[in-house]
C-alpha atoms as a PDB file:
ATOM      1  CA  MET A   1      11.330 -45.701 -38.708  1.00  0.00           C
ATOM      2  CA  ALA A   2       9.158 -43.782 -36.808  1.00  0.00           C
ATOM      3  CA  LEU A   3       7.825 -45.306 -34.108  1.00  0.00           C
ATOM      4  CA  SER A   4       3.663 -46.471 -34.701  1.00  0.00           C
ATOM      5  CA  LYS A   5       1.009 -44.816 -32.385  1.00  0.00           C
ATOM      6  CA  PHE A   6       0.475 -47.127 -30.564  1.00  0.00           C
ATOM      7  CA  ALA A   7       3.761 -47.954 -29.957  1.00  0.00           C
ATOM      8  CA  GLU A   8       4.250 -44.326 -28.632  1.00  0.00           C
ATOM      9  CA  GLN A   9       1.871 -45.093 -26.203  1.00  0.00           C
ATOM     10  CA  ILE A  10       3.100 -48.134 -24.711  1.00  0.00           C
ATOM     11  CA  ILE A  11       6.137 -46.629 -24.066  1.00  0.00           C
ATOM     12  CA  ARG A  12       4.671 -43.531 -22.448  1.00  0.00           C
ATOM     13  CA  PHE A  13       2.683 -45.719 -20.048  1.00  0.00           C
ATOM     14  CA  GLN A  14       6.204 -47.704 -19.423  1.00  0.00           C
ATOM     15  CA  LYS A  15       7.388 -44.875 -18.272  1.00  0.00           C
ATOM     16  CA  THR A  16       3.835 -43.127 -16.338  1.00  0.00           C
ATOM     17  CA  HIS A  17       4.149 -46.490 -14.393  1.00  0.00           C
ATOM     18  CA  ASP A  18       7.398 -47.351 -14.469  1.00  0.00           C
ATOM     19  CA  MET A  19       7.342 -50.659 -15.747  1.00  0.00           C
ATOM     20  CA  THR A  20       9.398 -52.985 -17.656  1.00  0.00           C
ATOM     21  CA  ASP A  21       8.770 -55.170 -21.162  1.00  0.00           C
ATOM     22  CA  GLY A  22       8.764 -57.963 -18.703  1.00  0.00           C
ATOM     23  CA  GLU A  23       6.274 -56.464 -16.041  1.00  0.00           C
ATOM     24  CA  MET A  24       3.758 -55.428 -18.434  1.00  0.00           C
ATOM     25  CA  ALA A  25       3.845 -58.762 -20.354  1.00  0.00           C
ATOM     26  CA  PHE A  26       3.485 -60.375 -16.854  1.00  0.00           C
ATOM     27  CA  SER A  27       0.283 -58.144 -16.004  1.00  0.00           C
ATOM     28  CA  SER A  28      -1.200 -57.455 -19.390  1.00  0.00           C
ATOM     29  CA  HIS A  29      -0.647 -61.306 -20.065  1.00  0.00           C
ATOM     30  CA  PHE A  30       0.613 -61.337 -23.176  1.00  0.00           C
ATOM     31  CA  SER A  31       4.635 -62.735 -24.003  1.00  0.00           C
ATOM     32  CA  VAL A  32       7.368 -60.371 -23.490  1.00  0.00           C
ATOM     33  CA  GLU A  33       8.174 -60.769 -27.155  1.00  0.00           C
ATOM     34  CA  LYS A  34       4.667 -59.336 -28.079  1.00  0.00           C
ATOM     35  CA  ILE A  35       5.435 -55.954 -25.700  1.00  0.00           C
ATOM     36  CA  HIS A  36       8.751 -56.021 -27.640  1.00  0.00           C
ATOM     37  CA  ASP A  37       7.176 -57.211 -31.472  1.00  0.00           C
ATOM     38  CA  PHE A  38       4.700 -54.020 -30.647  1.00  0.00           C
ATOM     39  CA  LYS A  39       6.691 -51.425 -29.494  1.00  0.00           C
ATOM     40  CA  SER A  40       9.329 -51.539 -32.178  1.00  0.00           C
ATOM     41  CA  GLY A  41       6.831 -52.361 -35.333  1.00  0.00           C
ATOM     42  CA  GLU A  42       7.802 -55.790 -35.951  1.00  0.00           C
ATOM     43  CA  VAL A  43       4.763 -57.107 -35.620  1.00  0.00           C
ATOM     44  CA  ASN A  44       1.730 -55.350 -36.121  1.00  0.00           C
ATOM     45  CA  PRO A  45      -0.601 -56.277 -33.346  1.00  0.00           C
ATOM     46  CA  THR A  46      -4.373 -58.050 -34.652  1.00  0.00           C
ATOM     47  CA  PRO A  47      -7.105 -55.942 -33.774  1.00  0.00           C
ATOM     48  CA  ASP A  48      -8.244 -58.124 -31.161  1.00  0.00           C
ATOM     49  CA  GLU A  49      -4.621 -57.837 -29.383  1.00  0.00           C
ATOM     50  CA  GLU A  50      -4.870 -53.683 -29.112  1.00  0.00           C
ATOM     51  CA  LYS A  51      -8.235 -53.840 -27.724  1.00  0.00           C
ATOM     52  CA  LYS A  52      -6.917 -56.059 -25.109  1.00  0.00           C
ATOM     53  CA  LEU A  53      -4.165 -53.879 -24.715  1.00  0.00           C
ATOM     54  CA  ARG A  54      -5.801 -51.001 -24.758  1.00  0.00           C
ATOM     55  CA  GLU A  55      -8.092 -52.333 -22.128  1.00  0.00           C
ATOM     56  CA  TYR A  56      -5.667 -52.878 -19.804  1.00  0.00           C
ATOM     57  CA  MET A  57      -3.943 -50.146 -20.177  1.00  0.00           C
ATOM     58  CA  ASN A  58      -6.805 -47.821 -19.849  1.00  0.00           C
ATOM     59  CA  SER A  59      -7.798 -49.548 -16.274  1.00  0.00           C
ATOM     60  CA  ASN A  60      -4.827 -48.959 -15.100  1.00  0.00           C
END
């Protein structure tokens, strides 16, 4: 299964910042489970969740 563009962006952000899922969850105020779900494609983020996570990634 191919990753979504958003999942690829999350993974690239984590690699760039040497950040684990737990560290990203803590600093972005999302649960580790949500980060895992977004990356795996198990759950698509709501527009609001995607907006908030993109804002977090763009500010760092």
